[in-house]
Protein backbone atom coordinates (compact mmCIF):
# COMPACT_ATOMS: atom_id res chain seq x y z
CA UNK A 1 30.61 24.84 -5.97
CA UNK A 2 29.82 22.14 -8.53
CA UNK A 3 31.63 19.90 -10.63
CA UNK A 4 32.34 19.94 -14.47
CA UNK A 5 33.51 16.63 -16.09
CA UNK A 6 34.27 16.03 -19.71
CA UNK A 7 34.05 12.78 -21.37
CA UNK A 8 35.13 11.15 -24.43
CA UNK A 9 34.07 7.50 -25.53
CA UNK A 10 36.49 5.75 -27.88
CA UNK A 11 35.56 2.41 -29.26
CA UNK A 12 38.54 0.58 -31.95
CA UNK A 13 38.63 -2.23 -33.75
CA UNK A 14 40.92 -5.21 -31.71
CA UNK A 15 42.71 -8.23 -32.31
CA UNK A 16 40.11 -9.86 -29.64
CA UNK A 17 37.17 -7.71 -30.44
CA UNK A 18 37.06 -4.02 -29.56
CA UNK A 19 38.93 -1.41 -27.58
CA UNK A 20 36.73 0.89 -25.16
CA UNK A 21 38.31 3.68 -23.74
CA UNK A 22 36.82 6.28 -21.85
CA UNK A 23 38.50 9.95 -21.53
CA UNK A 24 37.95 12.16 -18.26
CA UNK A 25 38.80 15.46 -17.74
CA UNK A 26 37.03 16.96 -14.09
CA UNK A 27 37.56 19.99 -12.23
CA UNK A 28 35.83 22.13 -9.61
CA UNK A 29 35.98 23.70 -6.17
CA UNK A 30 34.93 19.98 -4.52
CA UNK A 31 37.98 18.48 -6.06
CA UNK A 32 40.40 21.13 -4.99
CA UNK A 33 39.12 20.84 -1.15
CA UNK A 34 39.55 18.11 2.01
CA UNK A 35 37.19 15.71 0.45
CA UNK A 36 38.81 15.82 -3.31
CA UNK A 37 40.00 12.30 -3.31
CA UNK A 38 36.68 10.82 -1.86
CA UNK A 39 35.01 12.94 -4.66
CA UNK A 40 37.13 10.91 -7.44
CA UNK A 41 37.25 7.89 -6.01
CA UNK A 42 33.25 7.90 -6.25
CA UNK A 43 33.95 9.79 -10.45
CA UNK A 44 36.26 6.24 -10.75
CA UNK A 45 33.35 3.69 -9.14
CA UNK A 46 31.06 5.24 -11.62
CA UNK A 47 33.19 5.14 -14.66
CA UNK A 48 34.06 1.85 -14.38
CA UNK A 49 30.18 0.85 -13.76
CA UNK A 50 29.97 2.76 -16.99
CA UNK A 51 32.37 0.84 -18.92
CA UNK A 52 31.81 -2.56 -17.58
CA UNK A 53 27.76 -1.84 -19.22
CA UNK A 54 29.49 -0.55 -22.60
CA UNK A 55 31.61 -3.46 -22.77
CA UNK A 56 28.72 -5.73 -22.06
CA UNK A 57 26.77 -4.26 -24.67
CA UNK A 58 29.46 -4.19 -27.34
CA UNK A 59 29.82 -7.71 -26.74
CA UNK A 60 26.02 -8.43 -27.38
CA UNK A 61 25.86 -9.58 -23.25
CA UNK A 62 22.31 -8.35 -21.61
CA UNK A 63 23.17 -6.32 -18.68
CA UNK A 64 21.10 -5.62 -15.61
CA UNK A 65 19.16 -2.38 -16.32
CA UNK A 66 18.29 0.19 -13.70
CA UNK A 67 15.74 2.20 -14.13
CA UNK A 68 15.22 5.82 -11.73
CA UNK A 69 12.06 4.49 -9.79
CA UNK A 70 10.86 7.66 -7.94
CA UNK A 71 8.99 7.74 -4.45
CA UNK A 72 6.76 10.16 -5.86
CA UNK A 73 2.77 9.07 -5.97
CA UNK A 74 1.71 7.86 -9.68
CA UNK A 75 -0.64 9.45 -11.49
CA UNK A 76 -3.53 7.07 -12.60
CA UNK A 77 -4.45 8.46 -16.17
CA UNK A 78 -7.65 6.40 -15.94
CA UNK A 79 -9.14 7.92 -12.87
CA UNK A 80 -6.68 10.96 -11.98
CA UNK A 81 -6.29 9.12 -8.95
CA UNK A 82 -2.53 9.39 -7.10
CA UNK A 83 -1.57 5.88 -6.20
CA UNK A 84 1.41 4.82 -3.49
CA UNK A 85 4.49 4.13 -5.68
CA UNK A 86 4.78 0.91 -4.18
CA UNK A 87 1.06 -0.30 -5.25
CA UNK A 88 2.04 -3.83 -6.68
CA UNK A 89 0.34 -4.30 -10.32
CA UNK A 90 1.04 -7.03 -12.83
CA UNK A 91 2.61 -6.24 -15.83
CA UNK A 92 2.83 -9.62 -18.05
CA UNK A 93 1.71 -12.73 -18.10
CA UNK A 94 2.84 -15.68 -20.31
CA UNK A 95 1.99 -19.02 -20.99
CA UNK A 96 3.84 -22.09 -22.85
CA UNK A 97 2.20 -25.63 -24.18
CA UNK A 98 4.39 -28.01 -25.36
CA UNK A 99 1.96 -30.76 -27.03
CA UNK A 100 5.31 -32.43 -28.34
CA UNK A 101 8.26 -33.59 -26.37
CA UNK A 102 11.66 -31.45 -27.08
CA UNK A 103 14.66 -33.32 -26.05
CA UNK A 104 15.97 -29.71 -25.93
CA UNK A 105 13.67 -28.02 -23.75
CA UNK A 106 13.94 -29.13 -19.92
CA UNK A 107 11.29 -27.65 -17.27
CA UNK A 108 13.42 -24.58 -16.77
CA UNK A 109 13.90 -23.84 -20.65
CA UNK A 110 9.93 -23.99 -20.52
CA UNK A 111 9.57 -21.49 -17.61
CA UNK A 112 12.23 -19.30 -19.07
CA UNK A 113 10.00 -19.29 -22.25
CA UNK A 114 6.91 -18.28 -20.01
CA UNK A 115 8.90 -15.29 -18.81
CA UNK A 116 10.12 -14.32 -21.98
CA UNK A 117 6.53 -14.38 -22.86
CA UNK A 118 5.34 -12.52 -20.05
CA UNK A 119 8.06 -9.61 -20.57
CA UNK A 120 6.58 -9.14 -24.44
CA UNK A 121 3.44 -9.08 -23.09
CA UNK A 122 4.09 -5.84 -20.82
CA UNK A 123 5.50 -4.28 -23.60
CA UNK A 124 9.04 -3.60 -22.44
CA UNK A 125 10.18 -6.73 -23.71
CA UNK A 126 13.00 -8.83 -22.05
CA UNK A 127 14.44 -5.81 -20.27
CA UNK A 128 12.18 -6.06 -17.27
CA UNK A 129 13.60 -9.62 -17.41
CA UNK A 130 17.27 -8.46 -17.01
CA UNK A 131 16.06 -5.81 -14.08
CA UNK A 132 14.46 -8.45 -12.44
CA UNK A 133 15.14 -7.63 -8.01
CA UNK A 134 13.69 -11.36 -7.62
CA UNK A 135 12.90 -14.48 -8.85
CA UNK A 136 10.78 -17.27 -7.31
CA UNK A 137 10.21 -20.63 -8.63
CA UNK A 138 7.65 -23.48 -8.45
CA UNK A 139 9.72 -26.69 -8.91
CA UNK A 140 9.00 -29.37 -11.60
CA UNK A 141 7.67 -32.49 -9.97
CA UNK A 142 9.44 -34.29 -13.08
CA UNK A 143 12.83 -33.08 -12.59
CA UNK A 144 15.00 -31.81 -9.82
CA UNK A 145 17.18 -28.31 -9.64
CA UNK A 146 19.72 -27.86 -7.21
CA UNK A 147 18.01 -23.73 -7.68
CA UNK A 148 15.32 -23.62 -10.42
CA UNK A 149 15.00 -20.13 -9.60
CA UNK A 150 18.81 -19.31 -10.26
CA UNK A 151 18.78 -21.66 -13.61
CA UNK A 152 15.52 -19.69 -14.70
CA UNK A 153 17.44 -16.25 -13.69
CA UNK A 154 20.16 -17.44 -16.00
CA UNK A 155 18.23 -18.63 -18.88
CA UNK A 156 16.61 -15.01 -18.76
CA UNK A 157 19.79 -12.68 -18.04
CA UNK A 158 18.74 -11.82 -15.05
CA UNK A 159 20.79 -10.97 -11.45
CA UNK A 160 18.46 -11.00 -8.70
CA UNK A 161 19.11 -10.20 -5.47
CA UNK A 162 16.54 -12.85 -4.00
CA UNK A 163 15.65 -16.04 -5.33
CA UNK A 164 13.29 -18.52 -4.10
CA UNK A 165 11.67 -22.11 -4.47
CA UNK A 166 8.59 -23.59 -2.82
CA UNK A 167 7.87 -27.08 -1.83
CA UNK A 168 7.74 -29.74 -4.38
CA UNK A 169 4.12 -31.24 -3.71
CA UNK A 170 1.46 -29.87 -1.60
CA UNK A 171 1.38 -25.73 -2.61
CA UNK A 172 2.87 -23.04 0.04
CA UNK A 173 -0.01 -20.51 0.93
CA UNK A 174 2.52 -18.76 2.08
CA UNK A 175 5.12 -18.19 -0.39
CA UNK A 176 3.77 -15.98 -2.53
CA UNK A 177 3.30 -12.09 -0.77
CA UNK A 178 3.57 -8.80 -2.01
CA UNK A 179 5.59 -6.59 -0.20
CA UNK A 180 4.32 -3.82 -1.48
CA UNK A 181 2.36 -1.12 0.45
CA UNK A 182 -0.39 -4.00 0.95
CA UNK A 183 1.27 -7.13 1.41
CA UNK A 184 -0.98 -9.05 -0.34
CA UNK A 185 -0.90 -12.87 -0.13
CA UNK A 186 -1.70 -15.70 -2.81
CA UNK A 187 -0.36 -18.82 -3.36
CA UNK A 188 -0.11 -18.76 -7.26
CA UNK A 189 3.66 -16.86 -7.25
CA UNK A 190 5.60 -15.03 -5.07
CA UNK A 191 6.64 -11.29 -5.91
CA UNK A 192 8.04 -8.34 -4.37
CA UNK A 193 6.69 -5.29 -5.72
CA UNK A 194 8.95 -2.03 -6.12
CA UNK A 195 11.60 -1.23 -3.24
CA UNK A 196 12.34 2.56 -3.64
CA UNK A 197 15.24 3.26 -5.51
CA UNK A 198 15.60 -0.50 -7.02
CA UNK A 199 14.29 -1.74 -10.08
CA UNK A 200 10.99 -2.93 -8.50
CA UNK A 201 10.77 -5.98 -10.91
CA UNK A 202 10.18 -9.22 -9.81
CA UNK A 203 9.21 -12.81 -11.90
CA UNK A 204 7.74 -15.59 -11.19
CA UNK A 205 7.37 -18.82 -13.26
CA UNK A 206 6.91 -22.66 -13.12
CA UNK A 207 7.23 -25.18 -15.55
CA UNK A 208 5.43 -28.79 -15.25
CA UNK A 209 7.14 -31.28 -17.72
CA UNK A 210 7.11 -35.10 -17.58
CA UNK A 211 10.92 -36.38 -17.74
CA UNK A 212 12.21 -37.11 -21.34
CA UNK A 213 15.04 -39.40 -21.54
CA UNK A 214 17.33 -36.71 -23.54
CA UNK A 215 16.92 -34.31 -20.55
CA UNK A 216 17.94 -36.62 -17.48
CA UNK A 217 21.05 -34.55 -17.31
CA UNK A 218 19.54 -31.22 -17.28
CA UNK A 219 20.06 -28.62 -14.58
CA UNK A 220 23.26 -30.85 -13.31
CA UNK A 221 25.60 -27.92 -14.01
CA UNK A 222 24.34 -25.27 -11.92
CA UNK A 223 25.35 -25.33 -7.91
CA UNK A 224 23.78 -22.57 -6.62
CA UNK A 225 21.24 -22.77 -4.04
CA UNK A 226 18.16 -20.98 -3.59
CA UNK A 227 18.05 -17.71 -1.14
CA UNK A 228 14.96 -19.22 0.38
CA UNK A 229 13.42 -22.71 0.04
CA UNK A 230 10.19 -23.59 1.68
CA UNK A 231 9.61 -26.48 3.98
CA UNK A 232 6.90 -29.54 2.95
CA UNK A 233 3.88 -29.88 5.03
CA UNK A 234 3.38 -32.78 7.84
CA UNK A 235 2.36 -36.06 5.98
CA UNK A 236 -0.55 -37.67 6.86
CA UNK A 237 0.44 -40.94 8.44
CA UNK A 238 -2.63 -42.60 9.64
CA UNK A 239 -4.26 -41.43 6.35
CA UNK A 240 -1.72 -42.98 4.07
CA UNK A 241 -1.67 -46.17 6.40
CA UNK A 242 -5.40 -47.05 5.48
CA UNK A 243 -4.96 -46.55 1.72
CA UNK A 244 -5.92 -42.90 1.35
CA UNK A 245 -2.52 -40.99 0.53
CA UNK A 246 -3.59 -40.93 -3.00
CA UNK A 247 -5.55 -37.55 -3.85
CA UNK A 248 -7.70 -39.46 -5.90
CA UNK A 249 -9.23 -41.46 -3.26
CA UNK A 250 -9.12 -38.86 -0.44
CA UNK A 251 -11.01 -36.49 -2.61
CA UNK A 252 -13.39 -39.56 -3.66
CA UNK A 253 -14.32 -39.99 -0.04
CA UNK A 254 -14.71 -36.29 0.33
CA UNK A 255 -17.08 -36.29 -2.37
CA UNK A 256 -19.05 -38.53 -0.70
CA UNK A 257 -19.44 -36.19 2.28
CA UNK A 258 -20.18 -33.43 0.25
CA UNK A 259 -23.39 -35.33 -1.21
CA UNK A 260 -24.88 -35.83 1.75
CA UNK A 261 -24.40 -32.43 3.07
CA UNK A 262 -26.41 -31.54 -0.10
CA UNK A 263 -28.99 -34.30 0.41
CA UNK A 264 -28.07 -35.65 -3.25
CA UNK A 265 -28.89 -39.28 -3.85
CA UNK A 266 -26.04 -41.03 -6.02
CA UNK A 267 -27.34 -40.62 -9.33
CA UNK A 268 -28.79 -36.96 -8.77
CA UNK A 269 -25.23 -36.27 -7.49
CA UNK A 270 -23.17 -37.73 -10.27
CA UNK A 271 -25.61 -35.96 -12.68
CA UNK A 272 -24.31 -32.80 -11.25
CA UNK A 273 -20.93 -33.19 -10.79
CA UNK A 274 -20.70 -34.47 -14.48
CA UNK A 275 -22.46 -31.10 -15.28
CA UNK A 276 -20.04 -29.09 -13.29
CA UNK A 277 -17.18 -30.85 -15.51
CA UNK A 278 -18.91 -30.38 -19.01
CA UNK A 279 -18.87 -26.53 -17.96
CA UNK A 280 -15.50 -26.46 -17.42
CA UNK A 281 -14.60 -28.43 -20.57
CA UNK A 282 -16.92 -25.77 -22.32
CA UNK A 283 -14.16 -22.76 -21.10
CA UNK A 284 -11.07 -25.31 -22.10
CA UNK A 285 -12.77 -25.67 -25.55
CA UNK A 286 -11.65 -21.55 -26.02
CA UNK A 287 -8.88 -21.57 -24.08
CA UNK A 288 -6.11 -21.51 -26.32
CA UNK A 289 -3.30 -22.46 -23.66
CA UNK A 290 -5.37 -25.51 -22.56
CA UNK A 291 -3.54 -29.14 -22.84
CA UNK A 292 -7.41 -31.05 -23.66
CA UNK A 293 -9.21 -27.90 -25.43
CA UNK A 294 -12.55 -29.68 -26.70
CA UNK A 295 -16.09 -29.86 -24.96
CA UNK A 296 -17.25 -33.39 -23.54
CA UNK A 297 -20.73 -34.01 -22.66
CA UNK A 298 -22.09 -34.45 -19.24
CA UNK A 299 -23.13 -38.03 -19.98
CA UNK A 300 -19.74 -39.08 -21.41
CA UNK A 301 -17.75 -38.15 -18.29
CA UNK A 302 -20.02 -39.63 -16.35
CA UNK A 303 -20.04 -43.25 -18.05
CA UNK A 304 -17.10 -45.02 -17.67
CA UNK A 305 -15.44 -46.32 -20.76
CA UNK A 306 -12.33 -47.32 -22.35
CA UNK A 307 -11.14 -44.06 -22.76
CA UNK A 308 -12.71 -42.97 -19.41
CA UNK A 309 -12.58 -45.78 -17.03
CA UNK A 310 -13.64 -45.48 -13.63
CA UNK A 311 -11.12 -44.37 -10.73
CA UNK A 312 -12.46 -43.79 -7.84
CA UNK A 313 -16.33 -43.92 -7.21
CA UNK A 314 -17.61 -41.43 -8.30
CA UNK A 315 -14.52 -40.27 -10.25
CA UNK A 316 -13.99 -41.40 -13.94
CA UNK A 317 -10.77 -40.19 -15.51
CA UNK A 318 -12.01 -37.36 -16.68
CA UNK A 319 -13.02 -36.28 -13.69
CA UNK A 320 -9.17 -36.07 -12.11
CA UNK A 321 -6.61 -33.61 -12.16
CA UNK A 322 -4.44 -34.35 -15.45
CA UNK A 323 -0.88 -34.19 -14.49
CA UNK A 324 0.79 -35.68 -17.43
CA UNK A 325 1.04 -32.37 -19.27
CA UNK A 326 3.94 -29.76 -20.69
CA UNK A 327 3.01 -26.02 -19.44
CA UNK A 328 4.44 -23.50 -17.93
CA UNK A 329 3.52 -20.01 -16.76
CA UNK A 330 5.28 -16.86 -16.02
CA UNK A 331 4.25 -13.85 -14.34
CA UNK A 332 5.66 -10.19 -14.16
CA UNK A 333 5.10 -7.95 -11.05
CA UNK A 334 6.80 -4.62 -10.28
CA UNK A 335 5.42 -1.75 -8.08
CA UNK A 336 3.13 1.42 -10.11
CA UNK A 337 6.54 3.29 -10.09
CA UNK A 338 8.89 0.77 -11.33
CA UNK A 339 6.24 0.08 -14.12
CA UNK A 340 5.81 3.73 -14.91
CA UNK A 341 9.54 4.26 -15.18
CA UNK A 342 10.07 0.98 -17.49
CA UNK A 343 7.50 2.54 -19.67
CA UNK A 344 4.80 -0.28 -19.35
CA UNK A 345 1.35 1.31 -20.97
CA UNK A 346 -0.97 1.93 -18.02
CA UNK A 347 -3.80 -0.31 -20.27
CA UNK A 348 -1.48 -3.19 -19.25
CA UNK A 349 -1.77 -2.84 -15.25
CA UNK A 350 -3.73 -4.89 -13.43
CA UNK A 351 -3.77 -4.41 -9.79
CA UNK A 352 -3.63 -6.85 -7.01
CA UNK A 353 -6.49 -5.88 -4.61
CA UNK A 354 -5.56 -8.49 -1.70
CA UNK A 355 -4.54 -11.43 -0.66
CA UNK A 356 -5.45 -14.24 2.28
CA UNK A 357 -3.91 -17.41 2.84
CA UNK A 358 -5.55 -19.82 5.53
CA UNK A 359 -5.28 -24.12 6.32
CA UNK A 360 -7.66 -26.20 7.64
CA UNK A 361 -7.35 -29.28 10.38
CA UNK A 362 -4.24 -30.35 8.72
CA UNK A 363 -5.41 -34.14 9.03
CA UNK A 364 -8.41 -34.83 7.08
CA UNK A 365 -9.00 -37.98 9.79
CA UNK A 366 -9.33 -35.15 12.21
CA UNK A 367 -11.76 -33.03 10.29
CA UNK A 368 -15.61 -32.51 12.26
CA UNK A 369 -16.86 -32.18 8.73
CA UNK A 370 -15.49 -33.18 5.70
CA UNK A 371 -17.84 -31.14 3.86
CA UNK A 372 -16.74 -27.56 4.46
CA UNK A 373 -13.73 -25.42 4.53
CA UNK A 374 -13.80 -23.22 7.74
CA UNK A 375 -10.40 -21.68 6.07
CA UNK A 376 -11.45 -20.95 2.72
CA UNK A 377 -14.28 -18.96 4.32
CA UNK A 378 -11.96 -17.26 6.53
CA UNK A 379 -9.44 -16.55 3.78
CA UNK A 380 -12.37 -15.49 1.25
CA UNK A 381 -13.78 -13.20 3.92
CA UNK A 382 -10.41 -11.55 4.97
CA UNK A 383 -9.60 -10.86 1.19
CA UNK A 384 -12.92 -9.17 0.23
CA UNK A 385 -13.23 -7.59 3.26
CA UNK A 386 -9.83 -6.02 2.86
CA UNK A 387 -10.54 -5.31 -1.11
CA UNK A 388 -13.80 -3.66 -0.21
CA UNK A 389 -15.83 -6.06 -1.80
CA UNK A 390 -18.99 -8.60 -1.89
CA UNK A 391 -18.46 -11.53 -3.78
CA UNK A 392 -21.38 -10.54 -5.83
CA UNK A 393 -19.46 -7.86 -7.07
CA UNK A 394 -16.76 -10.34 -8.30
CA UNK A 395 -17.18 -11.10 -12.05
CA UNK A 396 -14.43 -13.50 -13.23
CA UNK A 397 -13.71 -16.66 -11.11
CA UNK A 398 -11.32 -19.53 -11.03
CA UNK A 399 -11.68 -21.80 -8.05
CA UNK A 400 -8.91 -24.63 -8.00
CA UNK A 401 -10.54 -27.51 -9.40
CA UNK A 402 -8.71 -31.05 -8.87
CA UNK A 403 -11.46 -32.90 -8.64
CA UNK A 404 -15.51 -31.89 -8.10
CA UNK A 405 -15.45 -32.00 -4.40
CA UNK A 406 -12.65 -29.37 -4.42
CA UNK A 407 -15.03 -26.66 -6.62
CA UNK A 408 -18.10 -27.49 -4.15
CA UNK A 409 -16.47 -26.65 -0.98
CA UNK A 410 -14.69 -23.71 -2.67
CA UNK A 411 -18.06 -22.32 -3.97
CA UNK A 412 -19.98 -23.31 -1.00
CA UNK A 413 -17.48 -21.30 1.54
CA UNK A 414 -17.49 -17.91 -1.09
CA UNK A 415 -20.88 -17.93 -1.61
CA UNK A 416 -20.91 -18.94 -5.31
CA UNK A 417 -23.48 -20.85 -7.19
CA UNK A 418 -22.73 -24.23 -8.47
CA UNK A 419 -23.73 -25.14 -12.38
CA UNK A 420 -24.36 -21.32 -13.01
CA UNK A 421 -23.75 -20.95 -16.79
CA UNK A 422 -23.60 -17.67 -16.36
CA UNK A 423 -21.18 -17.58 -14.00
CA UNK A 424 -18.64 -20.19 -14.91
CA UNK A 425 -16.39 -21.34 -12.08
CA UNK A 426 -13.19 -21.07 -13.78
CA UNK A 427 -11.28 -19.26 -16.75
CA UNK A 428 -8.77 -22.21 -18.18
CA UNK A 429 -11.09 -24.87 -18.02
CA UNK A 430 -9.63 -26.43 -14.67
CA UNK A 431 -7.05 -29.32 -13.78
CA UNK A 432 -8.32 -31.92 -16.11
CA UNK A 433 -8.63 -29.77 -19.38
CA UNK A 434 -6.70 -27.12 -19.14
CA UNK A 435 -4.12 -29.30 -17.78
CA UNK A 436 -2.79 -29.83 -13.52
CA UNK A 437 0.92 -29.10 -13.91
CA UNK A 438 1.61 -30.01 -10.11
CA UNK A 439 1.90 -26.55 -7.47
CA UNK A 440 1.80 -24.62 -11.02
CA UNK A 441 -1.48 -24.32 -11.97
CA UNK A 442 -2.78 -21.46 -9.39
CA UNK A 443 -0.06 -19.20 -12.09
CA UNK A 444 -2.21 -20.45 -15.49
CA UNK A 445 -4.93 -19.11 -13.12
CA UNK A 446 -3.59 -15.99 -13.24
CA UNK A 447 -2.25 -15.59 -16.15
CA UNK A 448 -5.52 -16.14 -17.71
CA UNK A 449 -7.19 -13.92 -15.77
CA UNK A 450 -5.14 -10.93 -16.40
CA UNK A 451 -6.02 -10.83 -20.04
CA UNK A 452 -9.96 -10.79 -19.26
CA UNK A 453 -9.39 -8.46 -16.72
CA UNK A 454 -7.50 -6.19 -18.99
CA UNK A 455 -10.44 -6.38 -21.28
CA UNK A 456 -13.13 -5.86 -18.74
CA UNK A 457 -11.41 -2.80 -17.13
CA UNK A 458 -14.13 -2.27 -14.53
CA UNK A 459 -14.53 -5.80 -13.32
CA UNK A 460 -12.95 -7.75 -10.32
CA UNK A 461 -11.61 -11.05 -10.38
CA UNK A 462 -10.78 -13.93 -8.13
CA UNK A 463 -8.63 -16.97 -8.20
CA UNK A 464 -8.42 -19.44 -5.85
CA UNK A 465 -5.47 -22.31 -4.89
CA UNK A 466 -5.01 -25.30 -2.80
CA UNK A 467 -2.99 -27.79 -1.70
CA UNK A 468 -3.22 -31.41 -0.38
CA UNK A 469 -6.16 -32.72 1.07
CA UNK A 470 -8.08 -29.52 0.78
CA UNK A 471 -6.37 -28.32 3.26
CA UNK A 472 -4.04 -25.45 2.68
CA UNK A 473 -5.90 -22.43 0.41
CA UNK A 474 -4.98 -19.05 -0.79
CA UNK A 475 -6.96 -16.03 -2.38
CA UNK A 476 -5.57 -13.40 -4.66
CA UNK A 477 -8.54 -10.33 -6.06
CA UNK A 478 -7.55 -8.75 -8.93
CA UNK A 479 -8.60 -5.87 -11.38
CA UNK A 480 -7.62 -2.97 -13.58
CA UNK A 481 -8.93 -0.55 -11.44
CA UNK A 482 -7.10 0.54 -8.50
CA UNK A 483 -8.19 0.16 -4.79
CA UNK A 484 -9.25 2.90 -2.72
CA UNK A 485 -6.71 2.21 -0.45
CA UNK A 486 -3.67 2.74 -3.43
CA UNK A 487 -4.07 6.50 -2.84
CA UNK A 488 -1.58 7.91 -0.34
CA UNK A 489 -1.94 9.37 2.83
CA UNK A 490 -0.12 12.98 2.94
CA UNK A 491 2.50 11.84 4.00
CA UNK A 492 3.15 8.07 2.53
CA UNK A 493 5.68 8.98 0.41
CA UNK A 494 9.18 10.50 0.66
CA UNK A 495 12.10 8.77 2.46
CA UNK A 496 9.70 5.99 4.15
CA UNK A 497 8.31 4.68 0.34
CA UNK A 498 11.66 3.24 0.00
CA UNK A 499 10.79 0.12 2.13
CA UNK A 500 7.74 -1.46 2.44
CA UNK A 501 5.29 -0.90 4.85
CA UNK A 502 5.22 -2.04 8.26
CA UNK A 503 2.72 -5.07 8.48
CA UNK A 504 0.11 -5.86 10.67
CA UNK A 505 0.19 -9.61 11.73
CA UNK A 506 -3.30 -11.17 12.09
CA UNK A 507 -3.71 -14.84 12.72
CA UNK A 508 -6.98 -15.87 14.19
CA UNK A 509 -7.89 -19.76 14.89
CA UNK A 510 -10.86 -21.30 16.18
CA UNK A 511 -11.17 -24.54 17.46
CA UNK A 512 -14.70 -26.38 17.67
CA UNK A 513 -14.60 -29.88 17.73
CA UNK A 514 -11.59 -30.58 15.96
CA UNK A 515 -11.73 -27.82 13.15
CA UNK A 516 -9.99 -24.54 12.70
CA UNK A 517 -9.12 -22.22 10.14
CA UNK A 518 -6.16 -20.02 10.81
CA UNK A 519 -4.71 -16.81 8.76
CA UNK A 520 -1.72 -16.93 7.59
CA UNK A 521 0.46 -13.58 8.18
CA UNK A 522 -0.27 -10.66 6.09
CA UNK A 523 -0.07 -6.74 5.66
CA UNK A 524 -3.19 -5.00 6.28
CA UNK A 525 -2.84 -0.65 5.92
CA UNK A 526 -6.34 0.12 5.90
CA UNK A 527 -6.80 -0.03 9.54
CA UNK A 528 -8.97 -2.72 9.54
CA UNK A 529 -8.00 -5.83 11.20
CA UNK A 530 -8.85 -9.38 9.26
CA UNK A 531 -11.10 -11.26 11.34
CA UNK A 532 -12.02 -14.59 11.44
CA UNK A 533 -15.52 -14.66 10.02
CA UNK A 534 -16.46 -16.94 13.14
CA UNK A 535 -14.53 -15.21 16.02
């Protein structure tokens, strides 16, 4: 009852290039029966797809690759575990530092270069980008594109079915999401982890580059619009009206509340935050992708000088995020099934164990206490509980570090020590020294964390991101080791594996004297609800 097919392919020189000819002969009982015409139409359609791909290869044009992605569990070679095929993994990361302005490399070009670096890091090369199902972009603050994700996708040869762009400023706690089995959330960059029979490759990228006159027209030729665009948050009108619109003023005010909470005198606190920031500069000095890779002594950070002017008490210039950078970062995320099908070596896989997003009372003036973050505490507890970890088990940490107050608040909420030289709170060097490329710092943090975890395969890493005035927060937990709940249940594979698991939406609020922490919806399949720690 089968079909016998004979196929001959001929490529011959032609006046305009090459002529491609497919000769096909088919026979079999199904062709002679009532469904013969339908079968022939299917064969004709498949031949047309094959002819188009062959012609594209002959022309040197990248084609969208399709790997056969199995719905069956994937063997994790290091542990012998069978993994749910939809388990999300980071397989490639890349970063770009452009220290000299280049009129031919606008932000989208830098982001595309970062993705190519990430594709090379995966070991698969640019084929992983051509096969992308989704491209997510964090827009540049220095140049506007109608659809930055489309621009970047075109540059790397991708034809994604989904393009998403975040808000220009302030961050998106809910934008990045993993749609694999465990549906993790984090802020840095969004990816969709493997969807059944699809390629299952997703890429996220962004660049921050200050405009050069020669790139003033970049991106205007692209008329596409993103499939999904995040909306900006509410504006703090009352705070802005009294001169607290700029982050450096608001975070300086928050710093004074942190000092009071910690019981420090002015000089004592200045000395402590200077030592904290000096420690970050020490990390940046070892980071090849840092914008300012040099160690700065604590005394030099604390003292105002012509090269380190006072900005807003108690901050000098070198205690503030440095936005004037040309940086880009890219991340490739896929399911373990797609990674296996594409030939990504398992020692490249870093598992996304959990993530959570939350926000504090939106307007700082309505918070009961400027010096603490119930939202970071809630998101941290939810993510750690979902990963089955305690904070003491997390070895590598990167806390969002726009200003010293942000690091101290984050550390206090998560139960991390401040100033411990054996446990630095950054893997990049922070936004002052590694660079603060707008919303995209979180991607650089993840891109720096992944190689560290690969080199330390039994360890766990955590990164945080932040938006507005310590308002919006996201946390991600990663490891080379697979999470226990990546192991499929007896009936968890098969046809059901071709689509994401249903979401168990959790939203907890606590209002107490005007403050609350709200967990964003996330997926949870461990049979456990992510509770607010104070609920």
